[in-house]
């Protein structure tokens, strides 16, 4: 799994205006023409405690790590956790992830 680390690259994906959301997550998507996927993970600042934000980010990373092979290649994908994600467990976050991926039709 390749992580997007550069702030400029995050902003490029955000400004692409290609996003979809549900109760727990927001998925931002942009073609990267690299032949492989790059991922970014963020959590809303409205989630007050850093510990909680980090737990949610770690869960999202694990979901992507286990299911990365199911996705089409050539995209920059950013997952942002909403405030509602603090009440969600791993399974409901995974369900949200697949729901958003299916809507964007990047599932193999």
PDB file of N, CA and C in Angstrom:
ATOM      1  N   UNK A   1       0.850  -1.178   0.000  1.00  0.00           N
ATOM      2  CA  UNK A   1       0.000   0.000   0.000  1.00  0.00           C
ATOM      3  C   UNK A   1       0.895   1.240   0.000  1.00  0.00           C
ATOM      4  N   UNK A   2       0.646   2.117  -0.946  1.00  0.00           N
ATOM      5  CA  UNK A   2       1.413   3.361  -1.053  1.00  0.00           C
ATOM      6  C   UNK A   2       0.563   4.490  -0.486  1.00  0.00           C
ATOM      7  N   UNK A   3       1.144   5.248   0.427  1.00  0.00           N
ATOM      8  CA  UNK A   3       0.436   6.318   1.130  1.00  0.00           C
ATOM      9  C   UNK A   3       0.757   7.666   0.486  1.00  0.00           C
ATOM     10  N   UNK A   4      -0.265   8.499   0.349  1.00  0.00           N
ATOM     11  CA  UNK A   4      -0.062   9.884  -0.083  1.00  0.00           C
ATOM     12  C   UNK A   4       0.401  10.663   1.142  1.00  0.00           C
ATOM     13  N   UNK A   5       1.563  11.300   1.048  1.00  0.00           N
ATOM     14  CA  UNK A   5       2.101  12.020   2.192  1.00  0.00           C
ATOM     15  C   UNK A   5       2.181  13.527   1.971  1.00  0.00           C
ATOM     16  N   UNK A   6       2.253  13.929   0.726  1.00  0.00           N
ATOM     17  CA  UNK A   6       2.457  15.324   0.379  1.00  0.00           C
ATOM     18  C   UNK A   6       1.139  16.112   0.434  1.00  0.00           C
ATOM     19  N   UNK A   7       1.152  17.251   1.104  1.00  0.00           N
ATOM     20  CA  UNK A   7      -0.051  18.074   1.230  1.00  0.00           C
ATOM     21  C   UNK A   7      -0.569  18.519  -0.136  1.00  0.00           C
ATOM     22  N   UNK A   8       0.333  18.796  -1.058  1.00  0.00           N
ATOM     23  CA  UNK A   8      -0.062  19.234  -2.406  1.00  0.00           C
ATOM     24  C   UNK A   8      -0.868  18.132  -3.104  1.00  0.00           C
ATOM     25  N   UNK A   9      -0.472  16.875  -2.904  1.00  0.00           N
ATOM     26  CA  UNK A   9      -1.187  15.762  -3.522  1.00  0.00           C
ATOM     27  C   UNK A   9      -2.569  15.556  -2.897  1.00  0.00           C
ATOM     28  N   UNK A  10      -2.655  15.759  -1.578  1.00  0.00           N
ATOM     29  CA  UNK A  10      -3.969  15.703  -0.916  1.00  0.00           C
ATOM     30  C   UNK A  10      -4.900  16.757  -1.510  1.00  0.00           C
ATOM     31  N   UNK A  11      -4.398  17.978  -1.632  1.00  0.00           N
ATOM     32  CA  UNK A  11      -5.230  19.072  -2.158  1.00  0.00           C
ATOM     33  C   UNK A  11      -5.650  18.818  -3.600  1.00  0.00           C
ATOM     34  N   UNK A  12      -4.772  18.204  -4.389  1.00  0.00           N
ATOM     35  CA  UNK A  12      -5.116  17.886  -5.774  1.00  0.00           C
ATOM     36  C   UNK A  12      -6.298  16.924  -5.829  1.00  0.00           C
ATOM     37  N   UNK A  13      -6.322  15.942  -4.928  1.00  0.00           N
ATOM     38  CA  UNK A  13      -7.426  14.982  -4.898  1.00  0.00           C
ATOM     39  C   UNK A  13      -8.697  15.666  -4.391  1.00  0.00           C
ATOM     40  N   UNK A  14      -8.575  16.484  -3.346  1.00  0.00           N
ATOM     41  CA  UNK A  14      -9.743  17.195  -2.807  1.00  0.00           C
ATOM     42  C   UNK A  14     -10.360  18.115  -3.857  1.00  0.00           C
ATOM     43  N   UNK A  15      -9.530  18.798  -4.634  1.00  0.00           N
ATOM     44  CA  UNK A  15     -10.018  19.786  -5.601  1.00  0.00           C
ATOM     45  C   UNK A  15     -10.540  19.162  -6.887  1.00  0.00           C
ATOM     46  N   UNK A  16     -10.460  17.855  -7.000  1.00  0.00           N
ATOM     47  CA  UNK A  16     -10.914  17.161  -8.193  1.00  0.00           C
ATOM     48  C   UNK A  16     -12.449  17.087  -8.271  1.00  0.00           C
ATOM     49  N   UNK A  17     -13.118  17.374  -7.173  1.00  0.00           N
ATOM     50  CA  UNK A  17     -14.584  17.359  -7.096  1.00  0.00           C
ATOM     51  C   UNK A  17     -15.175  16.016  -7.505  1.00  0.00           C
ATOM     52  N   UNK A  18     -14.537  14.949  -7.094  1.00  0.00           N
ATOM     53  CA  UNK A  18     -15.036  13.607  -7.370  1.00  0.00           C
ATOM     54  C   UNK A  18     -15.102  12.855  -6.048  1.00  0.00           C
ATOM     55  N   UNK A  19     -16.195  13.061  -5.321  1.00  0.00           N
ATOM     56  CA  UNK A  19     -16.304  12.432  -4.006  1.00  0.00           C
ATOM     57  C   UNK A  19     -17.696  11.840  -3.820  1.00  0.00           C
ATOM     58  N   UNK A  20     -17.755  10.915  -2.873  1.00  0.00           N
ATOM     59  CA  UNK A  20     -19.014  10.293  -2.492  1.00  0.00           C
ATOM     60  C   UNK A  20     -18.928  10.035  -0.992  1.00  0.00           C
ATOM     61  N   UNK A  21     -20.082  10.091  -0.307  1.00  0.00           N
ATOM     62  CA  UNK A  21     -20.035   9.924   1.144  1.00  0.00           C
ATOM     63  C   UNK A  21     -21.228   9.125   1.639  1.00  0.00           C
ATOM     64  N   UNK A  22     -21.076   8.636   2.848  1.00  0.00           N
ATOM     65  CA  UNK A  22     -22.188   8.018   3.558  1.00  0.00           C
ATOM     66  C   UNK A  22     -22.106   8.449   5.025  1.00  0.00           C
ATOM     67  N   UNK A  23     -22.760   7.707   5.888  1.00  0.00           N
ATOM     68  CA  UNK A  23     -22.856   8.086   7.295  1.00  0.00           C
ATOM     69  C   UNK A  23     -21.495   8.162   7.981  1.00  0.00           C
ATOM     70  N   UNK A  24     -20.583   7.266   7.658  1.00  0.00           N
ATOM     71  CA  UNK A  24     -19.296   7.171   8.344  1.00  0.00           C
ATOM     72  C   UNK A  24     -18.122   7.809   7.610  1.00  0.00           C
ATOM     73  N   UNK A  25     -18.084   7.672   6.286  1.00  0.00           N
ATOM     74  CA  UNK A  25     -16.892   8.024   5.526  1.00  0.00           C
ATOM     75  C   UNK A  25     -17.194   8.924   4.345  1.00  0.00           C
ATOM     76  N   UNK A  26     -16.160   9.635   3.904  1.00  0.00           N
ATOM     77  CA  UNK A  26     -16.187  10.358   2.638  1.00  0.00           C
ATOM     78  C   UNK A  26     -15.024   9.814   1.824  1.00  0.00           C
ATOM     79  N   UNK A  27     -15.284   9.481   0.554  1.00  0.00           N
ATOM     80  CA  UNK A  27     -14.247   8.954  -0.320  1.00  0.00           C
ATOM     81  C   UNK A  27     -13.986   9.960  -1.438  1.00  0.00           C
ATOM     82  N   UNK A  28     -12.735  10.414  -1.542  1.00  0.00           N
ATOM     83  CA  UNK A  28     -12.311  11.307  -2.614  1.00  0.00           C
ATOM     84  C   UNK A  28     -11.499  10.483  -3.603  1.00  0.00           C
ATOM     85  N   UNK A  29     -11.704  10.729  -4.891  1.00  0.00           N
ATOM     86  CA  UNK A  29     -11.109   9.889  -5.918  1.00  0.00           C
ATOM     87  C   UNK A  29     -10.544  10.746  -7.045  1.00  0.00           C
ATOM     88  N   UNK A  30      -9.379  10.323  -7.569  1.00  0.00           N
ATOM     89  CA  UNK A  30      -8.759  11.025  -8.697  1.00  0.00           C
ATOM     90  C   UNK A  30      -7.896  10.033  -9.463  1.00  0.00           C
ATOM     91  N   UNK A  31      -7.980  10.058 -10.788  1.00  0.00           N
ATOM     92  CA  UNK A  31      -7.103   9.209 -11.604  1.00  0.00           C
ATOM     93  C   UNK A  31      -5.679   9.726 -11.490  1.00  0.00           C
ATOM     94  N   UNK A  32      -4.697   8.793 -11.388  1.00  0.00           N
ATOM     95  CA  UNK A  32      -3.308   9.234 -11.256  1.00  0.00           C
ATOM     96  C   UNK A  32      -2.393   8.785 -12.392  1.00  0.00           C
ATOM     97  N   UNK A  33      -2.881   7.933 -13.306  1.00  0.00           N
ATOM     98  CA  UNK A  33      -2.107   7.466 -14.468  1.00  0.00           C
ATOM     99  C   UNK A  33      -0.754   6.853 -14.093  1.00  0.00           C
ATOM    100  N   UNK A  34      -0.656   6.257 -12.903  1.00  0.00           N
ATOM    101  CA  UNK A  34       0.584   5.637 -12.464  1.00  0.00           C
ATOM    102  C   UNK A  34       0.549   4.112 -12.575  1.00  0.00           C
ATOM    103  N   UNK A  35      -0.631   3.542 -12.733  1.00  0.00           N
ATOM    104  CA  UNK A  35      -0.736   2.087 -12.815  1.00  0.00           C
ATOM    105  C   UNK A  35      -0.881   1.410 -11.467  1.00  0.00           C
ATOM    106  N   UNK A  36      -0.877   2.182 -10.396  1.00  0.00           N
ATOM    107  CA  UNK A  36      -1.095   1.640  -9.062  1.00  0.00           C
ATOM    108  C   UNK A  36      -1.878   2.663  -8.245  1.00  0.00           C
ATOM    109  N   UNK A  37      -2.455   2.198  -7.155  1.00  0.00           N
ATOM    110  CA  UNK A  37      -3.259   3.077  -6.297  1.00  0.00           C
ATOM    111  C   UNK A  37      -2.406   3.687  -5.192  1.00  0.00           C
ATOM    112  N   UNK A  38      -2.754   4.914  -4.819  1.00  0.00           N
ATOM    113  CA  UNK A  38      -2.159   5.558  -3.650  1.00  0.00           C
ATOM    114  C   UNK A  38      -3.314   5.946  -2.731  1.00  0.00           C
ATOM    115  N   UNK A  39      -3.087   5.835  -1.435  1.00  0.00           N
ATOM    116  CA  UNK A  39      -4.154   6.059  -0.466  1.00  0.00           C
ATOM    117  C   UNK A  39      -3.781   7.143   0.527  1.00  0.00           C
ATOM    118  N   UNK A  40      -4.796   7.881   0.978  1.00  0.00           N
ATOM    119  CA  UNK A  40      -4.640   8.849   2.051  1.00  0.00           C
ATOM    120  C   UNK A  40      -5.746   8.617   3.064  1.00  0.00           C
ATOM    121  N   UNK A  41      -5.429   8.851   4.327  1.00  0.00           N
ATOM    122  CA  UNK A  41      -6.396   8.614   5.399  1.00  0.00           C
ATOM    123  C   UNK A  41      -6.452   9.840   6.292  1.00  0.00           C
ATOM    124  N   UNK A  42      -7.644  10.400   6.459  1.00  0.00           N
ATOM    125  CA  UNK A  42      -7.801  11.554   7.330  1.00  0.00           C
ATOM    126  C   UNK A  42      -9.026  11.351   8.211  1.00  0.00           C
ATOM    127  N   UNK A  43      -9.085  12.133   9.277  1.00  0.00           N
ATOM    128  CA  UNK A  43     -10.251  12.117  10.159  1.00  0.00           C
ATOM    129  C   UNK A  43     -10.630  13.562  10.440  1.00  0.00           C
ATOM    130  N   UNK A  44     -11.907  13.826  10.525  1.00  0.00           N
ATOM    131  CA  UNK A  44     -12.399  15.182  10.736  1.00  0.00           C
ATOM    132  C   UNK A  44     -11.882  15.760  12.050  1.00  0.00           C
ATOM    133  N   UNK A  45     -11.512  17.020  12.031  1.00  0.00           N
ATOM    134  CA  UNK A  45     -11.029  17.690  13.249  1.00  0.00           C
ATOM    135  C   UNK A  45     -12.127  17.819  14.299  1.00  0.00           C
ATOM    136  N   UNK A  46     -13.375  17.660  13.866  1.00  0.00           N
ATOM    137  CA  UNK A  46     -14.476  17.712  14.828  1.00  0.00           C
ATOM    138  C   UNK A  46     -14.432  16.526  15.784  1.00  0.00           C
ATOM    139  N   UNK A  47     -13.699  15.477  15.400  1.00  0.00           N
ATOM    140  CA  UNK A  47     -13.444  14.378  16.325  1.00  0.00           C
ATOM    141  C   UNK A  47     -12.374  14.905  17.269  1.00  0.00           C
ATOM    142  N   UNK A  48     -12.760  15.274  18.470  1.00  0.00           N
ATOM    143  CA  UNK A  48     -11.917  16.073  19.355  1.00  0.00           C
ATOM    144  C   UNK A  48     -10.646  15.373  19.827  1.00  0.00           C
ATOM    145  N   UNK A  49     -10.758  14.123  20.220  1.00  0.00           N
ATOM    146  CA  UNK A  49      -9.600  13.457  20.807  1.00  0.00           C
ATOM    147  C   UNK A  49      -8.715  12.834  19.731  1.00  0.00           C
ATOM    148  N   UNK A  50      -7.421  13.129  19.789  1.00  0.00           N
ATOM    149  CA  UNK A  50      -6.457  12.618  18.813  1.00  0.00           C
ATOM    150  C   UNK A  50      -6.394  11.095  18.856  1.00  0.00           C
ATOM    151  N   UNK A  51      -6.551  10.529  20.046  1.00  0.00           N
ATOM    152  CA  UNK A  51      -6.516   9.076  20.200  1.00  0.00           C
ATOM    153  C   UNK A  51      -7.627   8.444  19.366  1.00  0.00           C
ATOM    154  N   UNK A  52      -8.811   9.020  19.426  1.00  0.00           N
ATOM    155  CA  UNK A  52      -9.953   8.500  18.675  1.00  0.00           C
ATOM    156  C   UNK A  52      -9.717   8.641  17.175  1.00  0.00           C
ATOM    157  N   UNK A  53      -9.196   9.788  16.745  1.00  0.00           N
ATOM    158  CA  UNK A  53      -8.890   9.989  15.323  1.00  0.00           C
ATOM    159  C   UNK A  53      -7.888   8.941  14.838  1.00  0.00           C
ATOM    160  N   UNK A  54      -6.873   8.666  15.646  1.00  0.00           N
ATOM    161  CA  UNK A  54      -5.854   7.701  15.258  1.00  0.00           C
ATOM    162  C   UNK A  54      -6.401   6.276  15.187  1.00  0.00           C
ATOM    163  N   UNK A  55      -7.276   5.923  16.117  1.00  0.00           N
ATOM    164  CA  UNK A  55      -7.901   4.594  16.097  1.00  0.00           C
ATOM    165  C   UNK A  55      -8.691   4.409  14.812  1.00  0.00           C
ATOM    166  N   UNK A  56      -9.467   5.413  14.448  1.00  0.00           N
ATOM    167  CA  UNK A  56     -10.282   5.327  13.230  1.00  0.00           C
ATOM    168  C   UNK A  56      -9.390   5.249  12.000  1.00  0.00           C
ATOM    169  N   UNK A  57      -8.335   6.051  11.966  1.00  0.00           N
ATOM    170  CA  UNK A  57      -7.388   6.004  10.836  1.00  0.00           C
ATOM    171  C   UNK A  57      -6.735   4.631  10.709  1.00  0.00           C
ATOM    172  N   UNK A  58      -6.349   4.044  11.832  1.00  0.00           N
ATOM    173  CA  UNK A  58      -5.740   2.709  11.806  1.00  0.00           C
ATOM    174  C   UNK A  58      -6.723   1.662  11.291  1.00  0.00           C
ATOM    175  N   UNK A  59      -7.979   1.785  11.677  1.00  0.00           N
ATOM    176  CA  UNK A  59      -8.998   0.853  11.183  1.00  0.00           C
ATOM    177  C   UNK A  59      -9.155   0.987   9.671  1.00  0.00           C
ATOM    178  N   UNK A  60      -9.191   2.230   9.180  1.00  0.00           N
ATOM    179  CA  UNK A  60      -9.330   2.450   7.741  1.00  0.00           C
ATOM    180  C   UNK A  60      -8.131   1.883   6.983  1.00  0.00           C
ATOM    181  N   UNK A  61      -6.923   2.064   7.530  1.00  0.00           N
ATOM    182  CA  UNK A  61      -5.719   1.522   6.887  1.00  0.00           C
ATOM    183  C   UNK A  61      -5.778   0.011   6.803  1.00  0.00           C
ATOM    184  N   UNK A  62      -6.262  -0.625   7.860  1.00  0.00           N
ATOM    185  CA  UNK A  62      -6.358  -2.084   7.879  1.00  0.00           C
ATOM    186  C   UNK A  62      -7.396  -2.571   6.870  1.00  0.00           C
ATOM    187  N   UNK A  63      -8.522  -1.873   6.771  1.00  0.00           N
ATOM    188  CA  UNK A  63      -9.557  -2.229   5.796  1.00  0.00           C
ATOM    189  C   UNK A  63      -8.980  -2.174   4.384  1.00  0.00           C
ATOM    190  N   UNK A  64      -8.250  -1.108   4.070  1.00  0.00           N
ATOM    191  CA  UNK A  64      -7.659  -0.969   2.739  1.00  0.00           C
ATOM    192  C   UNK A  64      -6.571  -2.013   2.519  1.00  0.00           C
ATOM    193  N   UNK A  65      -5.747  -2.252   3.524  1.00  0.00           N
ATOM    194  CA  UNK A  65      -4.656  -3.220   3.387  1.00  0.00           C
ATOM    195  C   UNK A  65      -5.188  -4.605   3.019  1.00  0.00           C
ATOM    196  N   UNK A  66      -6.286  -5.000   3.661  1.00  0.00           N
ATOM    197  CA  UNK A  66      -6.837  -6.330   3.432  1.00  0.00           C
ATOM    198  C   UNK A  66      -7.621  -6.441   2.121  1.00  0.00           C
ATOM    199  N   UNK A  67      -8.101  -5.308   1.582  1.00  0.00           N
ATOM    200  CA  UNK A  67      -8.973  -5.352   0.409  1.00  0.00           C
ATOM    201  C   UNK A  67      -8.414  -4.615  -0.803  1.00  0.00           C
ATOM    202  N   UNK A  68      -7.158  -4.212  -0.722  1.00  0.00           N
ATOM    203  CA  UNK A  68      -6.538  -3.425  -1.792  1.00  0.00           C
ATOM    204  C   UNK A  68      -6.549  -4.157  -3.135  1.00  0.00           C
ATOM    205  N   UNK A  69      -6.366  -5.462  -3.113  1.00  0.00           N
ATOM    206  CA  UNK A  69      -6.302  -6.245  -4.345  1.00  0.00           C
ATOM    207  C   UNK A  69      -7.634  -6.295  -5.082  1.00  0.00           C
ATOM    208  N   UNK A  70      -8.723  -5.929  -4.420  1.00  0.00           N
ATOM    209  CA  UNK A  70     -10.049  -5.957  -5.042  1.00  0.00           C
ATOM    210  C   UNK A  70     -10.352  -4.692  -5.847  1.00  0.00           C
ATOM    211  N   UNK A  71      -9.454  -3.692  -5.790  1.00  0.00           N
ATOM    212  CA  UNK A  71      -9.701  -2.408  -6.438  1.00  0.00           C
ATOM    213  C   UNK A  71      -8.999  -2.305  -7.783  1.00  0.00           C
ATOM    214  N   UNK A  72      -9.599  -1.530  -8.691  1.00  0.00           N
ATOM    215  CA  UNK A  72      -8.946  -1.226  -9.964  1.00  0.00           C
ATOM    216  C   UNK A  72      -7.738  -0.327  -9.690  1.00  0.00           C
ATOM    217  N   UNK A  73      -6.724  -0.429 -10.554  1.00  0.00           N
ATOM    218  CA  UNK A  73      -5.504   0.349 -10.369  1.00  0.00           C
ATOM    219  C   UNK A  73      -5.559   1.696 -11.090  1.00  0.00           C
ATOM    220  N   UNK A  74      -4.716   2.628 -10.629  1.00  0.00           N
ATOM    221  CA  UNK A  74      -4.571   3.916 -11.299  1.00  0.00           C
ATOM    222  C   UNK A  74      -5.341   5.051 -10.647  1.00  0.00           C
ATOM    223  N   UNK A  75      -5.556   4.983  -9.331  1.00  0.00           N
ATOM    224  CA  UNK A  75      -6.323   6.019  -8.640  1.00  0.00           C
ATOM    225  C   UNK A  75      -5.605   6.524  -7.393  1.00  0.00           C
ATOM    226  N   UNK A  76      -5.826   7.794  -7.088  1.00  0.00           N
ATOM    227  CA  UNK A  76      -5.503   8.341  -5.775  1.00  0.00           C
ATOM    228  C   UNK A  76      -6.809   8.328  -4.995  1.00  0.00           C
ATOM    229  N   UNK A  77      -6.802   7.679  -3.845  1.00  0.00           N
ATOM    230  CA  UNK A  77      -8.020   7.511  -3.047  1.00  0.00           C
ATOM    231  C   UNK A  77      -7.765   8.054  -1.650  1.00  0.00           C
ATOM    232  N   UNK A  78      -8.614   8.985  -1.216  1.00  0.00           N
ATOM    233  CA  UNK A  78      -8.519   9.503   0.145  1.00  0.00           C
ATOM    234  C   UNK A  78      -9.805   9.145   0.876  1.00  0.00           C
ATOM    235  N   UNK A  79      -9.635   8.546   2.041  1.00  0.00           N
ATOM    236  CA  UNK A  79     -10.764   8.226   2.912  1.00  0.00           C
ATOM    237  C   UNK A  79     -10.757   9.188   4.088  1.00  0.00           C
ATOM    238  N   UNK A  80     -11.864   9.879   4.275  1.00  0.00           N
ATOM    239  CA  UNK A  80     -11.990  10.785   5.412  1.00  0.00           C
ATOM    240  C   UNK A  80     -13.084  10.268   6.337  1.00  0.00           C
ATOM    241  N   UNK A  81     -12.746  10.134   7.611  1.00  0.00           N
ATOM    242  CA  UNK A  81     -13.719   9.684   8.599  1.00  0.00           C
ATOM    243  C   UNK A  81     -14.557  10.872   9.064  1.00  0.00           C
ATOM    244  N   UNK A  82     -15.849  10.677   9.122  1.00  0.00           N
ATOM    245  CA  UNK A  82     -16.737  11.706   9.641  1.00  0.00           C
ATOM    246  C   UNK A  82     -16.874  11.534  11.159  1.00  0.00           C
ATOM    247  N   UNK A  83     -17.519  12.502  11.794  1.00  0.00           N
ATOM    248  CA  UNK A  83     -17.712  12.461  13.248  1.00  0.00           C
ATOM    249  C   UNK A  83     -18.477  11.203  13.655  1.00  0.00           C
ATOM    250  N   UNK A  84     -19.408  10.769  12.822  1.00  0.00           N
ATOM    251  CA  UNK A  84     -20.220   9.584  13.128  1.00  0.00           C
ATOM    252  C   UNK A  84     -19.386   8.316  13.240  1.00  0.00           C
ATOM    253  N   UNK A  85     -18.201   8.306  12.640  1.00  0.00           N
ATOM    254  CA  UNK A  85     -17.344   7.116  12.648  1.00  0.00           C
ATOM    255  C   UNK A  85     -16.843   6.784  14.049  1.00  0.00           C
ATOM    256  N   UNK A  86     -16.903   7.742  14.978  1.00  0.00           N
ATOM    257  CA  UNK A  86     -16.448   7.475  16.345  1.00  0.00           C
ATOM    258  C   UNK A  86     -17.316   6.415  17.014  1.00  0.00           C
ATOM    259  N   UNK A  87     -18.583   6.325  16.613  1.00  0.00           N
ATOM    260  CA  UNK A  87     -19.497   5.349  17.209  1.00  0.00           C
ATOM    261  C   UNK A  87     -19.494   4.017  16.465  1.00  0.00           C
ATOM    262  N   UNK A  88     -18.763   3.947  15.362  1.00  0.00           N
ATOM    263  CA  UNK A  88     -18.796   2.760  14.511  1.00  0.00           C
ATOM    264  C   UNK A  88     -17.680   1.791  14.858  1.00  0.00           C
ATOM    265  N   UNK A  89     -17.969   0.520  14.653  1.00  0.00           N
ATOM    266  CA  UNK A  89     -16.941  -0.499  14.846  1.00  0.00           C
ATOM    267  C   UNK A  89     -16.292  -0.819  13.500  1.00  0.00           C
ATOM    268  N   UNK A  90     -15.357  -1.750  13.517  1.00  0.00           N
ATOM    269  CA  UNK A  90     -14.598  -2.109  12.319  1.00  0.00           C
ATOM    270  C   UNK A  90     -15.519  -2.574  11.185  1.00  0.00           C
ATOM    271  N   UNK A  91     -16.464  -3.428  11.511  1.00  0.00           N
ATOM    272  CA  UNK A  91     -17.346  -4.009  10.492  1.00  0.00           C
ATOM    273  C   UNK A  91     -18.179  -2.940   9.778  1.00  0.00           C
ATOM    274  N   UNK A  92     -18.704  -1.979  10.522  1.00  0.00           N
ATOM    275  CA  UNK A  92     -19.522  -0.955   9.877  1.00  0.00           C
ATOM    276  C   UNK A  92     -18.667  -0.006   9.031  1.00  0.00           C
ATOM    277  N   UNK A  93     -17.416   0.237   9.445  1.00  0.00           N
ATOM    278  CA  UNK A  93     -16.512   1.033   8.612  1.00  0.00           C
ATOM    279  C   UNK A  93     -16.185   0.285   7.318  1.00  0.00           C
ATOM    280  N   UNK A  94     -15.971  -1.016   7.433  1.00  0.00           N
ATOM    281  CA  UNK A  94     -15.683  -1.833   6.249  1.00  0.00           C
ATOM    282  C   UNK A  94     -16.882  -1.837   5.298  1.00  0.00           C
ATOM    283  N   UNK A  95     -18.073  -1.939   5.859  1.00  0.00           N
ATOM    284  CA  UNK A  95     -19.295  -1.924   5.065  1.00  0.00           C
ATOM    285  C   UNK A  95     -19.439  -0.588   4.325  1.00  0.00           C
ATOM    286  N   UNK A  96     -19.148   0.509   5.016  1.00  0.00           N
ATOM    287  CA  UNK A  96     -19.194   1.832   4.401  1.00  0.00           C
ATOM    288  C   UNK A  96     -18.180   1.950   3.267  1.00  0.00           C
ATOM    289  N   UNK A  97     -16.965   1.429   3.505  1.00  0.00           N
ATOM    290  CA  UNK A  97     -15.910   1.469   2.493  1.00  0.00           C
ATOM    291  C   UNK A  97     -16.365   0.769   1.217  1.00  0.00           C
ATOM    292  N   UNK A  98     -16.902  -0.444   1.347  1.00  0.00           N
ATOM    293  CA  UNK A  98     -17.340  -1.184   0.163  1.00  0.00           C
ATOM    294  C   UNK A  98     -18.518  -0.510  -0.527  1.00  0.00           C
ATOM    295  N   UNK A  99     -19.402   0.078   0.248  1.00  0.00           N
ATOM    296  CA  UNK A  99     -20.537   0.794  -0.331  1.00  0.00           C
ATOM    297  C   UNK A  99     -20.045   1.938  -1.222  1.00  0.00           C
ATOM    298  N   UNK A 100     -19.075   2.714  -0.722  1.00  0.00           N
ATOM    299  CA  UNK A 100     -18.559   3.854  -1.485  1.00  0.00           C
ATOM    300  C   UNK A 100     -17.763   3.406  -2.705  1.00  0.00           C
ATOM    301  N   UNK A 101     -16.990   2.334  -2.552  1.00  0.00           N
ATOM    302  CA  UNK A 101     -16.199   1.801  -3.670  1.00  0.00           C
ATOM    303  C   UNK A 101     -17.122   1.308  -4.782  1.00  0.00           C
ATOM    304  N   UNK A 102     -18.221   0.657  -4.406  1.00  0.00           N
ATOM    305  CA  UNK A 102     -19.174   0.162  -5.419  1.00  0.00           C
ATOM    306  C   UNK A 102     -19.860   1.313  -6.134  1.00  0.00           C
ATOM    307  N   UNK A 103     -20.189   2.385  -5.402  1.00  0.00           N
ATOM    308  CA  UNK A 103     -20.825   3.543  -6.029  1.00  0.00           C
ATOM    309  C   UNK A 103     -19.897   4.146  -7.085  1.00  0.00           C
ATOM    310  N   UNK A 104     -18.608   4.218  -6.787  1.00  0.00           N
ATOM    311  CA  UNK A 104     -17.640   4.796  -7.729  1.00  0.00           C
ATOM    312  C   UNK A 104     -17.165   3.819  -8.790  1.00  0.00           C
ATOM    313  N   UNK A 105     -17.631   2.570  -8.707  1.00  0.00           N
ATOM    314  CA  UNK A 105     -17.316   1.538  -9.700  1.00  0.00           C
ATOM    315  C   UNK A 105     -15.816   1.321  -9.889  1.00  0.00           C
ATOM    316  N   UNK A 106     -15.084   1.235  -8.783  1.00  0.00           N
ATOM    317  CA  UNK A 106     -13.649   0.915  -8.897  1.00  0.00           C
ATOM    318  C   UNK A 106     -13.354  -0.438  -8.252  1.00  0.00           C
ATOM    319  N   UNK A 107     -14.393  -1.250  -8.104  1.00  0.00           N
ATOM    320  CA  UNK A 107     -14.229  -2.606  -7.584  1.00  0.00           C
ATOM    321  C   UNK A 107     -13.974  -3.540  -8.776  1.00  0.00           C
ATOM    322  N   UNK A 108     -12.972  -4.412  -8.672  1.00  0.00           N
ATOM    323  CA  UNK A 108     -12.685  -5.361  -9.760  1.00  0.00           C
ATOM    324  C   UNK A 108     -13.796  -6.376  -9.893  1.00  0.00           C
TER     325      UNK A 108
END
